[in-house]
Amino acid sequence: LKKDEISFKVAGNCEMCKMRIEKAALSLKGVKYANWSIPDNQIRLIYNPRRVELTEIHNSIANSGHDTSVKSAPTETYNELPICCLYVRENNQSPIKK
């Protein structure tokens, strides 16, 4: 069984963000493991690229309200996050440097 491991930036602030981000990633079939780190805003994933594409994972996380290194969350979704979860958004939507 093929498994890839990857890390990328996901914007967020707190434990509530962590639960939401990990749940969004794990909701996809093929994602085996997701761990988002609050201090460095990095998510570590183990997934099966035959079952799920990386773009789908970025989309799922972004649709939960959190900008990723390649996909911005819809503004309406971001605006509905609890106040403690409203992270500072990058003005330019170019990929966040690692």
PDB file of N, CA and C in Angstrom:
ATOM      1  N   LEU A   1       0.854  -1.199   0.000  1.00  0.00           N
ATOM      2  CA  LEU A   1       0.000   0.000   0.000  1.00  0.00           C
ATOM      3  C   LEU A   1       0.885   1.243   0.000  1.00  0.00           C
ATOM      4  N   LYS A   2       0.612   2.120  -0.929  1.00  0.00           N
ATOM      5  CA  LYS A   2       1.442   3.315  -1.053  1.00  0.00           C
ATOM      6  C   LYS A   2       0.972   4.399  -0.077  1.00  0.00           C
ATOM      7  N   LYS A   3       1.930   4.968   0.638  1.00  0.00           N
ATOM      8  CA  LYS A   3       1.609   6.080   1.535  1.00  0.00           C
ATOM      9  C   LYS A   3       2.649   7.163   1.337  1.00  0.00           C
ATOM     10  N   ASP A   4       2.184   8.388   1.197  1.00  0.00           N
ATOM     11  CA  ASP A   4       3.080   9.530   1.109  1.00  0.00           C
ATOM     12  C   ASP A   4       2.966  10.338   2.389  1.00  0.00           C
ATOM     13  N   GLU A   5       4.080  10.943   2.774  1.00  0.00           N
ATOM     14  CA  GLU A   5       4.060  11.842   3.920  1.00  0.00           C
ATOM     15  C   GLU A   5       4.403  13.230   3.411  1.00  0.00           C
ATOM     16  N   ILE A   6       3.655  14.218   3.871  1.00  0.00           N
ATOM     17  CA  ILE A   6       3.891  15.591   3.421  1.00  0.00           C
ATOM     18  C   ILE A   6       3.557  16.546   4.553  1.00  0.00           C
ATOM     19  N   SER A   7       4.198  17.699   4.523  1.00  0.00           N
ATOM     20  CA  SER A   7       3.859  18.784   5.456  1.00  0.00           C
ATOM     21  C   SER A   7       3.666  20.045   4.641  1.00  0.00           C
ATOM     22  N   PHE A   8       2.718  20.861   5.061  1.00  0.00           N
ATOM     23  CA  PHE A   8       2.565  22.179   4.453  1.00  0.00           C
ATOM     24  C   PHE A   8       1.915  23.130   5.446  1.00  0.00           C
ATOM     25  N   LYS A   9       1.963  24.403   5.106  1.00  0.00           N
ATOM     26  CA  LYS A   9       1.483  25.456   5.988  1.00  0.00           C
ATOM     27  C   LYS A   9      -0.047  25.539   5.935  1.00  0.00           C
ATOM     28  N   VAL A  10      -0.650  25.649   7.121  1.00  0.00           N
ATOM     29  CA  VAL A  10      -2.084  25.915   7.231  1.00  0.00           C
ATOM     30  C   VAL A  10      -2.250  26.968   8.318  1.00  0.00           C
ATOM     31  N   ALA A  11      -2.910  28.075   7.976  1.00  0.00           N
ATOM     32  CA  ALA A  11      -3.074  29.169   8.932  1.00  0.00           C
ATOM     33  C   ALA A  11      -4.127  28.828   9.972  1.00  0.00           C
ATOM     34  N   GLY A  12      -3.852  29.211  11.222  1.00  0.00           N
ATOM     35  CA  GLY A  12      -4.779  28.990  12.321  1.00  0.00           C
ATOM     36  C   GLY A  12      -4.155  29.466  13.616  1.00  0.00           C
ATOM     37  N   ASN A  13      -4.914  29.365  14.707  1.00  0.00           N
ATOM     38  CA  ASN A  13      -4.451  29.914  15.987  1.00  0.00           C
ATOM     39  C   ASN A  13      -4.455  28.956  17.162  1.00  0.00           C
ATOM     40  N   CYS A  14      -5.510  28.168  17.306  1.00  0.00           N
ATOM     41  CA  CYS A  14      -5.766  27.552  18.612  1.00  0.00           C
ATOM     42  C   CYS A  14      -6.186  26.085  18.495  1.00  0.00           C
ATOM     43  N   GLU A  15      -6.532  25.486  19.642  1.00  0.00           N
ATOM     44  CA  GLU A  15      -6.976  24.089  19.685  1.00  0.00           C
ATOM     45  C   GLU A  15      -8.225  23.866  18.834  1.00  0.00           C
ATOM     46  N   MET A  16      -9.135  24.848  18.811  1.00  0.00           N
ATOM     47  CA  MET A  16     -10.337  24.703  17.983  1.00  0.00           C
ATOM     48  C   MET A  16      -9.954  24.636  16.506  1.00  0.00           C
ATOM     49  N   CYS A  17      -8.990  25.455  16.111  1.00  0.00           N
ATOM     50  CA  CYS A  17      -8.482  25.416  14.731  1.00  0.00           C
ATOM     51  C   CYS A  17      -7.891  24.036  14.449  1.00  0.00           C
ATOM     52  N   LYS A  18      -7.087  23.551  15.383  1.00  0.00           N
ATOM     53  CA  LYS A  18      -6.426  22.254  15.220  1.00  0.00           C
ATOM     54  C   LYS A  18      -7.455  21.164  14.953  1.00  0.00           C
ATOM     55  N   MET A  19      -8.515  21.134  15.763  1.00  0.00           N
ATOM     56  CA  MET A  19      -9.544  20.108  15.586  1.00  0.00           C
ATOM     57  C   MET A  19     -10.229  20.246  14.221  1.00  0.00           C
ATOM     58  N   ARG A  20     -10.528  21.473  13.827  1.00  0.00           N
ATOM     59  CA  ARG A  20     -11.225  21.721  12.561  1.00  0.00           C
ATOM     60  C   ARG A  20     -10.346  21.346  11.371  1.00  0.00           C
ATOM     61  N   ILE A  21      -9.070  21.733  11.408  1.00  0.00           N
ATOM     62  CA  ILE A  21      -8.136  21.465  10.310  1.00  0.00           C
ATOM     63  C   ILE A  21      -7.912  19.953  10.159  1.00  0.00           C
ATOM     64  N   GLU A  22      -7.646  19.277  11.272  1.00  0.00           N
ATOM     65  CA  GLU A  22      -7.391  17.833  11.216  1.00  0.00           C
ATOM     66  C   GLU A  22      -8.635  17.082  10.769  1.00  0.00           C
ATOM     67  N   LYS A  23      -9.814  17.518  11.247  1.00  0.00           N
ATOM     68  CA  LYS A  23     -11.065  16.864  10.862  1.00  0.00           C
ATOM     69  C   LYS A  23     -11.296  17.016   9.354  1.00  0.00           C
ATOM     70  N   ALA A  24     -10.995  18.211   8.818  1.00  0.00           N
ATOM     71  CA  ALA A  24     -11.177  18.453   7.379  1.00  0.00           C
ATOM     72  C   ALA A  24     -10.281  17.537   6.550  1.00  0.00           C
ATOM     73  N   ALA A  25      -9.048  17.351   7.002  1.00  0.00           N
ATOM     74  CA  ALA A  25      -8.120  16.474   6.282  1.00  0.00           C
ATOM     75  C   ALA A  25      -8.561  15.017   6.405  1.00  0.00           C
ATOM     76  N   LEU A  26      -8.886  14.601   7.625  1.00  0.00           N
ATOM     77  CA  LEU A  26      -9.222  13.199   7.881  1.00  0.00           C
ATOM     78  C   LEU A  26     -10.590  12.799   7.318  1.00  0.00           C
ATOM     79  N   SER A  27     -11.407  13.785   6.942  1.00  0.00           N
ATOM     80  CA  SER A  27     -12.730  13.479   6.389  1.00  0.00           C
ATOM     81  C   SER A  27     -12.618  12.863   4.993  1.00  0.00           C
ATOM     82  N   LEU A  28     -11.430  12.962   4.382  1.00  0.00           N
ATOM     83  CA  LEU A  28     -11.224  12.436   3.036  1.00  0.00           C
ATOM     84  C   LEU A  28     -10.721  11.001   3.089  1.00  0.00           C
ATOM     85  N   LYS A  29     -11.323  10.156   2.273  1.00  0.00           N
ATOM     86  CA  LYS A  29     -10.844   8.765   2.184  1.00  0.00           C
ATOM     87  C   LYS A  29      -9.438   8.794   1.597  1.00  0.00           C
ATOM     88  N   GLY A  30      -8.528   8.066   2.223  1.00  0.00           N
ATOM     89  CA  GLY A  30      -7.149   8.049   1.746  1.00  0.00           C
ATOM     90  C   GLY A  30      -6.207   8.816   2.649  1.00  0.00           C
ATOM     91  N   VAL A  31      -6.753   9.705   3.491  1.00  0.00           N
ATOM     92  CA  VAL A  31      -5.904  10.400   4.468  1.00  0.00           C
ATOM     93  C   VAL A  31      -5.845   9.538   5.720  1.00  0.00           C
ATOM     94  N   LYS A  32      -4.634   9.077   6.042  1.00  0.00           N
ATOM     95  CA  LYS A  32      -4.458   8.140   7.145  1.00  0.00           C
ATOM     96  C   LYS A  32      -4.139   8.845   8.461  1.00  0.00           C
ATOM     97  N   TYR A  33      -3.483   9.991   8.369  1.00  0.00           N
ATOM     98  CA  TYR A  33      -2.982  10.657   9.569  1.00  0.00           C
ATOM     99  C   TYR A  33      -2.901  12.142   9.285  1.00  0.00           C
ATOM    100  N   ALA A  34      -3.316  12.942  10.261  1.00  0.00           N
ATOM    101  CA  ALA A  34      -3.198  14.401  10.131  1.00  0.00           C
ATOM    102  C   ALA A  34      -2.854  14.966  11.496  1.00  0.00           C
ATOM    103  N   ASN A  35      -1.817  15.783  11.550  1.00  0.00           N
ATOM    104  CA  ASN A  35      -1.446  16.429  12.803  1.00  0.00           C
ATOM    105  C   ASN A  35      -1.011  17.853  12.498  1.00  0.00           C
ATOM    106  N   TRP A  36      -1.808  18.816  12.976  1.00  0.00           N
ATOM    107  CA  TRP A  36      -1.500  20.225  12.758  1.00  0.00           C
ATOM    108  C   TRP A  36      -0.855  20.781  14.012  1.00  0.00           C
ATOM    109  N   SER A  37       0.265  21.462  13.827  1.00  0.00           N
ATOM    110  CA  SER A  37       1.031  22.021  14.943  1.00  0.00           C
ATOM    111  C   SER A  37       0.710  23.505  15.091  1.00  0.00           C
ATOM    112  N   ILE A  38       0.235  23.887  16.272  1.00  0.00           N
ATOM    113  CA  ILE A  38      -0.133  25.285  16.517  1.00  0.00           C
ATOM    114  C   ILE A  38       1.061  26.240  16.386  1.00  0.00           C
ATOM    115  N   PRO A  39       2.196  25.970  17.055  1.00  0.00           N
ATOM    116  CA  PRO A  39       3.278  26.977  16.991  1.00  0.00           C
ATOM    117  C   PRO A  39       3.801  27.256  15.587  1.00  0.00           C
ATOM    118  N   ASP A  40       3.953  26.219  14.756  1.00  0.00           N
ATOM    119  CA  ASP A  40       4.547  26.490  13.444  1.00  0.00           C
ATOM    120  C   ASP A  40       3.540  26.438  12.289  1.00  0.00           C
ATOM    121  N   ASN A  41       2.250  26.258  12.613  1.00  0.00           N
ATOM    122  CA  ASN A  41       1.206  26.271  11.581  1.00  0.00           C
ATOM    123  C   ASN A  41       1.485  25.300  10.445  1.00  0.00           C
ATOM    124  N   GLN A  42       2.045  24.147  10.762  1.00  0.00           N
ATOM    125  CA  GLN A  42       2.316  23.126   9.747  1.00  0.00           C
ATOM    126  C   GLN A  42       1.412  21.925   9.999  1.00  0.00           C
ATOM    127  N   ILE A  43       0.860  21.371   8.930  1.00  0.00           N
ATOM    128  CA  ILE A  43       0.137  20.120   9.060  1.00  0.00           C
ATOM    129  C   ILE A  43       1.007  19.021   8.489  1.00  0.00           C
ATOM    130  N   ARG A  44       1.045  17.886   9.203  1.00  0.00           N
ATOM    131  CA  ARG A  44       1.773  16.720   8.728  1.00  0.00           C
ATOM    132  C   ARG A  44       0.741  15.665   8.377  1.00  0.00           C
ATOM    133  N   LEU A  45       0.815  15.168   7.169  1.00  0.00           N
ATOM    134  CA  LEU A  45      -0.160  14.199   6.691  1.00  0.00           C
ATOM    135  C   LEU A  45       0.503  12.926   6.211  1.00  0.00           C
ATOM    136  N   ILE A  46      -0.189  11.820   6.410  1.00  0.00           N
ATOM    137  CA  ILE A  46       0.160  10.573   5.739  1.00  0.00           C
ATOM    138  C   ILE A  46      -1.085  10.199   4.949  1.00  0.00           C
ATOM    139  N   TYR A  47      -0.920  10.029   3.643  1.00  0.00           N
ATOM    140  CA  TYR A  47      -2.076   9.751   2.801  1.00  0.00           C
ATOM    141  C   TYR A  47      -1.703   8.824   1.654  1.00  0.00           C
ATOM    142  N   ASN A  48      -2.723   8.249   1.043  1.00  0.00           N
ATOM    143  CA  ASN A  48      -2.529   7.364  -0.097  1.00  0.00           C
ATOM    144  C   ASN A  48      -2.862   8.151  -1.359  1.00  0.00           C
ATOM    145  N   PRO A  49      -1.838   8.507  -2.163  1.00  0.00           N
ATOM    146  CA  PRO A  49      -2.070   9.342  -3.349  1.00  0.00           C
ATOM    147  C   PRO A  49      -2.907   8.639  -4.420  1.00  0.00           C
ATOM    148  N   ARG A  50      -3.078   7.336  -4.292  1.00  0.00           N
ATOM    149  CA  ARG A  50      -3.955   6.635  -5.243  1.00  0.00           C
ATOM    150  C   ARG A  50      -5.419   6.841  -4.889  1.00  0.00           C
ATOM    151  N   ARG A  51      -5.687   7.190  -3.632  1.00  0.00           N
ATOM    152  CA  ARG A  51      -7.070   7.354  -3.173  1.00  0.00           C
ATOM    153  C   ARG A  51      -7.500   8.808  -3.091  1.00  0.00           C
ATOM    154  N   VAL A  52      -6.541   9.701  -2.841  1.00  0.00           N
ATOM    155  CA  VAL A  52      -6.901  11.116  -2.667  1.00  0.00           C
ATOM    156  C   VAL A  52      -5.771  11.983  -3.221  1.00  0.00           C
ATOM    157  N   GLU A  53      -6.153  13.042  -3.928  1.00  0.00           N
ATOM    158  CA  GLU A  53      -5.151  13.963  -4.466  1.00  0.00           C
ATOM    159  C   GLU A  53      -4.856  15.054  -3.445  1.00  0.00           C
ATOM    160  N   LEU A  54      -3.622  15.527  -3.480  1.00  0.00           N
ATOM    161  CA  LEU A  54      -3.203  16.584  -2.576  1.00  0.00           C
ATOM    162  C   LEU A  54      -4.096  17.823  -2.719  1.00  0.00           C
ATOM    163  N   THR A  55      -4.499  18.141  -3.949  1.00  0.00           N
ATOM    164  CA  THR A  55      -5.370  19.312  -4.153  1.00  0.00           C
ATOM    165  C   THR A  55      -6.697  19.143  -3.408  1.00  0.00           C
ATOM    166  N   GLU A  56      -7.206  17.915  -3.339  1.00  0.00           N
ATOM    167  CA  GLU A  56      -8.455  17.668  -2.600  1.00  0.00           C
ATOM    168  C   GLU A  56      -8.272  17.954  -1.117  1.00  0.00           C
ATOM    169  N   ILE A  57      -7.106  17.600  -0.593  1.00  0.00           N
ATOM    170  CA  ILE A  57      -6.828  17.833   0.826  1.00  0.00           C
ATOM    171  C   ILE A  57      -6.752  19.340   1.091  1.00  0.00           C
ATOM    172  N   HIS A  58      -6.030  20.062   0.237  1.00  0.00           N
ATOM    173  CA  HIS A  58      -5.958  21.525   0.365  1.00  0.00           C
ATOM    174  C   HIS A  58      -7.363  22.129   0.300  1.00  0.00           C
ATOM    175  N   ASN A  59      -8.179  21.667  -0.650  1.00  0.00           N
ATOM    176  CA  ASN A  59      -9.535  22.198  -0.808  1.00  0.00           C
ATOM    177  C   ASN A  59     -10.381  21.951   0.424  1.00  0.00           C
ATOM    178  N   SER A  60     -10.308  20.750   0.971  1.00  0.00           N
ATOM    179  CA  SER A  60     -11.100  20.405   2.145  1.00  0.00           C
ATOM    180  C   SER A  60     -10.732  21.289   3.340  1.00  0.00           C
ATOM    181  N   ILE A  61      -9.433  21.488   3.546  1.00  0.00           N
ATOM    182  CA  ILE A  61      -8.973  22.332   4.657  1.00  0.00           C
ATOM    183  C   ILE A  61      -9.387  23.784   4.418  1.00  0.00           C
ATOM    184  N   ALA A  62      -9.185  24.274   3.197  1.00  0.00           N
ATOM    185  CA  ALA A  62      -9.565  25.653   2.881  1.00  0.00           C
ATOM    186  C   ALA A  62     -11.072  25.850   3.062  1.00  0.00           C
ATOM    187  N   ASN A  63     -11.857  24.869   2.648  1.00  0.00           N
ATOM    188  CA  ASN A  63     -13.314  24.978   2.781  1.00  0.00           C
ATOM    189  C   ASN A  63     -13.773  24.950   4.237  1.00  0.00           C
ATOM    190  N   SER A  64     -12.886  24.523   5.149  1.00  0.00           N
ATOM    191  CA  SER A  64     -13.225  24.554   6.576  1.00  0.00           C
ATOM    192  C   SER A  64     -12.902  25.930   7.178  1.00  0.00           C
ATOM    193  N   GLY A  65     -12.293  26.820   6.363  1.00  0.00           N
ATOM    194  CA  GLY A  65     -12.021  28.183   6.821  1.00  0.00           C
ATOM    195  C   GLY A  65     -10.564  28.529   7.014  1.00  0.00           C
ATOM    196  N   HIS A  66      -9.669  27.625   6.651  1.00  0.00           N
ATOM    197  CA  HIS A  66      -8.242  27.848   6.907  1.00  0.00           C
ATOM    198  C   HIS A  66      -7.440  27.902   5.615  1.00  0.00           C
ATOM    199  N   ASP A  67      -6.689  29.005   5.424  1.00  0.00           N
ATOM    200  CA  ASP A  67      -5.817  29.137   4.261  1.00  0.00           C
ATOM    201  C   ASP A  67      -4.699  28.097   4.345  1.00  0.00           C
ATOM    202  N   THR A  68      -4.393  27.466   3.209  1.00  0.00           N
ATOM    203  CA  THR A  68      -3.241  26.568   3.155  1.00  0.00           C
ATOM    204  C   THR A  68      -2.179  27.231   2.300  1.00  0.00           C
ATOM    205  N   SER A  69      -1.058  26.553   2.129  1.00  0.00           N
ATOM    206  CA  SER A  69       0.040  27.112   1.343  1.00  0.00           C
ATOM    207  C   SER A  69      -0.340  27.306  -0.122  1.00  0.00           C
ATOM    208  N   VAL A  70      -1.364  26.604  -0.604  1.00  0.00           N
ATOM    209  CA  VAL A  70      -1.746  26.764  -2.020  1.00  0.00           C
ATOM    210  C   VAL A  70      -3.195  27.188  -2.241  1.00  0.00           C
ATOM    211  N   LYS A  71      -4.024  27.125  -1.216  1.00  0.00           N
ATOM    212  CA  LYS A  71      -5.450  27.396  -1.409  1.00  0.00           C
ATOM    213  C   LYS A  71      -5.968  28.311  -0.298  1.00  0.00           C
ATOM    214  N   SER A  72      -6.664  29.376  -0.707  1.00  0.00           N
ATOM    215  CA  SER A  72      -7.235  30.285   0.281  1.00  0.00           C
ATOM    216  C   SER A  72      -8.648  29.854   0.645  1.00  0.00           C
ATOM    217  N   ALA A  73      -8.973  30.034   1.908  1.00  0.00           N
ATOM    218  CA  ALA A  73     -10.331  29.739   2.368  1.00  0.00           C
ATOM    219  C   ALA A  73     -11.291  30.775   1.782  1.00  0.00           C
ATOM    220  N   PRO A  74     -12.530  30.357   1.471  1.00  0.00           N
ATOM    221  CA  PRO A  74     -13.520  31.350   1.039  1.00  0.00           C
ATOM    222  C   PRO A  74     -13.715  32.398   2.147  1.00  0.00           C
ATOM    223  N   THR A  75     -13.792  33.669   1.774  1.00  0.00           N
ATOM    224  CA  THR A  75     -13.904  34.745   2.759  1.00  0.00           C
ATOM    225  C   THR A  75     -15.110  34.543   3.675  1.00  0.00           C
ATOM    226  N   GLU A  76     -16.239  34.122   3.105  1.00  0.00           N
ATOM    227  CA  GLU A  76     -17.455  33.931   3.921  1.00  0.00           C
ATOM    228  C   GLU A  76     -17.199  32.875   4.998  1.00  0.00           C
ATOM    229  N   THR A  77     -16.514  31.794   4.618  1.00  0.00           N
ATOM    230  CA  THR A  77     -16.233  30.711   5.570  1.00  0.00           C
ATOM    231  C   THR A  77     -15.286  31.198   6.660  1.00  0.00           C
ATOM    232  N   TYR A  78     -14.242  31.921   6.247  1.00  0.00           N
ATOM    233  CA  TYR A  78     -13.292  32.491   7.214  1.00  0.00           C
ATOM    234  C   TYR A  78     -14.029  33.397   8.196  1.00  0.00           C
ATOM    235  N   ASN A  79     -14.908  34.247   7.677  1.00  0.00           N
ATOM    236  CA  ASN A  79     -15.623  35.210   8.524  1.00  0.00           C
ATOM    237  C   ASN A  79     -16.550  34.545   9.537  1.00  0.00           C
ATOM    238  N   GLU A  80     -16.927  33.290   9.284  1.00  0.00           N
ATOM    239  CA  GLU A  80     -17.816  32.573  10.208  1.00  0.00           C
ATOM    240  C   GLU A  80     -17.061  31.834  11.308  1.00  0.00           C
ATOM    241  N   LEU A  81     -15.731  31.838  11.244  1.00  0.00           N
ATOM    242  CA  LEU A  81     -14.951  31.161  12.296  1.00  0.00           C
ATOM    243  C   LEU A  81     -15.157  31.879  13.629  1.00  0.00           C
ATOM    244  N   PRO A  82     -15.058  31.131  14.739  1.00  0.00           N
ATOM    245  CA  PRO A  82     -15.106  31.790  16.055  1.00  0.00           C
ATOM    246  C   PRO A  82     -13.986  32.834  16.161  1.00  0.00           C
ATOM    247  N   ILE A  83     -14.216  33.863  16.957  1.00  0.00           N
ATOM    248  CA  ILE A  83     -13.285  34.998  17.040  1.00  0.00           C
ATOM    249  C   ILE A  83     -11.859  34.561  17.369  1.00  0.00           C
ATOM    250  N   CYS A  84     -11.702  33.559  18.219  1.00  0.00           N
ATOM    251  CA  CYS A  84     -10.347  33.122  18.598  1.00  0.00           C
ATOM    252  C   CYS A  84      -9.629  32.434  17.437  1.00  0.00           C
ATOM    253  N   CYS A  85     -10.388  32.046  16.417  1.00  0.00           N
ATOM    254  CA  CYS A  85      -9.803  31.322  15.285  1.00  0.00           C
ATOM    255  C   CYS A  85      -9.455  32.242  14.110  1.00  0.00           C
ATOM    256  N   LEU A  86      -9.786  33.528  14.225  1.00  0.00           N
ATOM    257  CA  LEU A  86      -9.532  34.442  13.104  1.00  0.00           C
ATOM    258  C   LEU A  86      -8.050  34.804  13.056  1.00  0.00           C
ATOM    259  N   TYR A  87      -7.318  34.059  12.248  1.00  0.00           N
ATOM    260  CA  TYR A  87      -5.878  34.258  12.084  1.00  0.00           C
ATOM    261  C   TYR A  87      -5.639  35.434  11.142  1.00  0.00           C
ATOM    262  N   VAL A  88      -4.426  35.957  11.169  1.00  0.00           N
ATOM    263  CA  VAL A  88      -4.048  37.042  10.261  1.00  0.00           C
ATOM    264  C   VAL A  88      -3.849  36.444   8.881  1.00  0.00           C
ATOM    265  N   ARG A  89      -4.572  36.971   7.893  1.00  0.00           N
ATOM    266  CA  ARG A  89      -4.474  36.419   6.539  1.00  0.00           C
ATOM    267  C   ARG A  89      -3.368  37.114   5.767  1.00  0.00           C
ATOM    268  N   GLU A  90      -2.706  36.355   4.911  1.00  0.00           N
ATOM    269  CA  GLU A  90      -1.680  36.910   4.023  1.00  0.00           C
ATOM    270  C   GLU A  90      -2.417  37.730   2.965  1.00  0.00           C
ATOM    271  N   ASN A  91      -1.926  38.936   2.694  1.00  0.00           N
ATOM    272  CA  ASN A  91      -2.586  39.753   1.668  1.00  0.00           C
ATOM    273  C   ASN A  91      -2.383  39.174   0.285  1.00  0.00           C
ATOM    274  N   ASN A  92      -1.117  38.821   0.012  1.00  0.00           N
ATOM    275  CA  ASN A  92      -0.850  38.219  -1.299  1.00  0.00           C
ATOM    276  C   ASN A  92      -1.212  36.737  -1.203  1.00  0.00           C
ATOM    277  N   GLN A  93      -1.818  36.196  -2.219  1.00  0.00           N
ATOM    278  CA  GLN A  93      -2.249  34.814  -2.159  1.00  0.00           C
ATOM    279  C   GLN A  93      -1.230  33.873  -2.802  1.00  0.00           C
ATOM    280  N   SER A  94      -0.002  34.344  -2.910  1.00  0.00           N
ATOM    281  CA  SER A  94       1.038  33.454  -3.415  1.00  0.00           C
ATOM    282  C   SER A  94       1.376  32.433  -2.325  1.00  0.00           C
ATOM    283  N   PRO A  95       1.927  31.290  -2.703  1.00  0.00           N
ATOM    284  CA  PRO A  95       2.221  30.270  -1.691  1.00  0.00           C
ATOM    285  C   PRO A  95       3.083  30.824  -0.548  1.00  0.00           C
ATOM    286  N   ILE A  96       2.768  30.421   0.641  1.00  0.00           N
ATOM    287  CA  ILE A  96       3.514  30.839   1.830  1.00  0.00           C
ATOM    288  C   ILE A  96       4.857  30.128   1.831  1.00  0.00           C
ATOM    289  N   LYS A  97       5.912  30.883   2.034  1.00  0.00           N
ATOM    290  CA  LYS A  97       7.248  30.281   2.022  1.00  0.00           C
ATOM    291  C   LYS A  97       7.441  29.380   3.235  1.00  0.00           C
ATOM    292  N   LYS A  98       8.080  28.272   3.020  1.00  0.00           N
ATOM    293  CA  LYS A  98       8.341  27.341   4.126  1.00  0.00           C
ATOM    294  C   LYS A  98       9.569  27.799   4.902  1.00  0.00           C
TER     295      LYS A  98
END
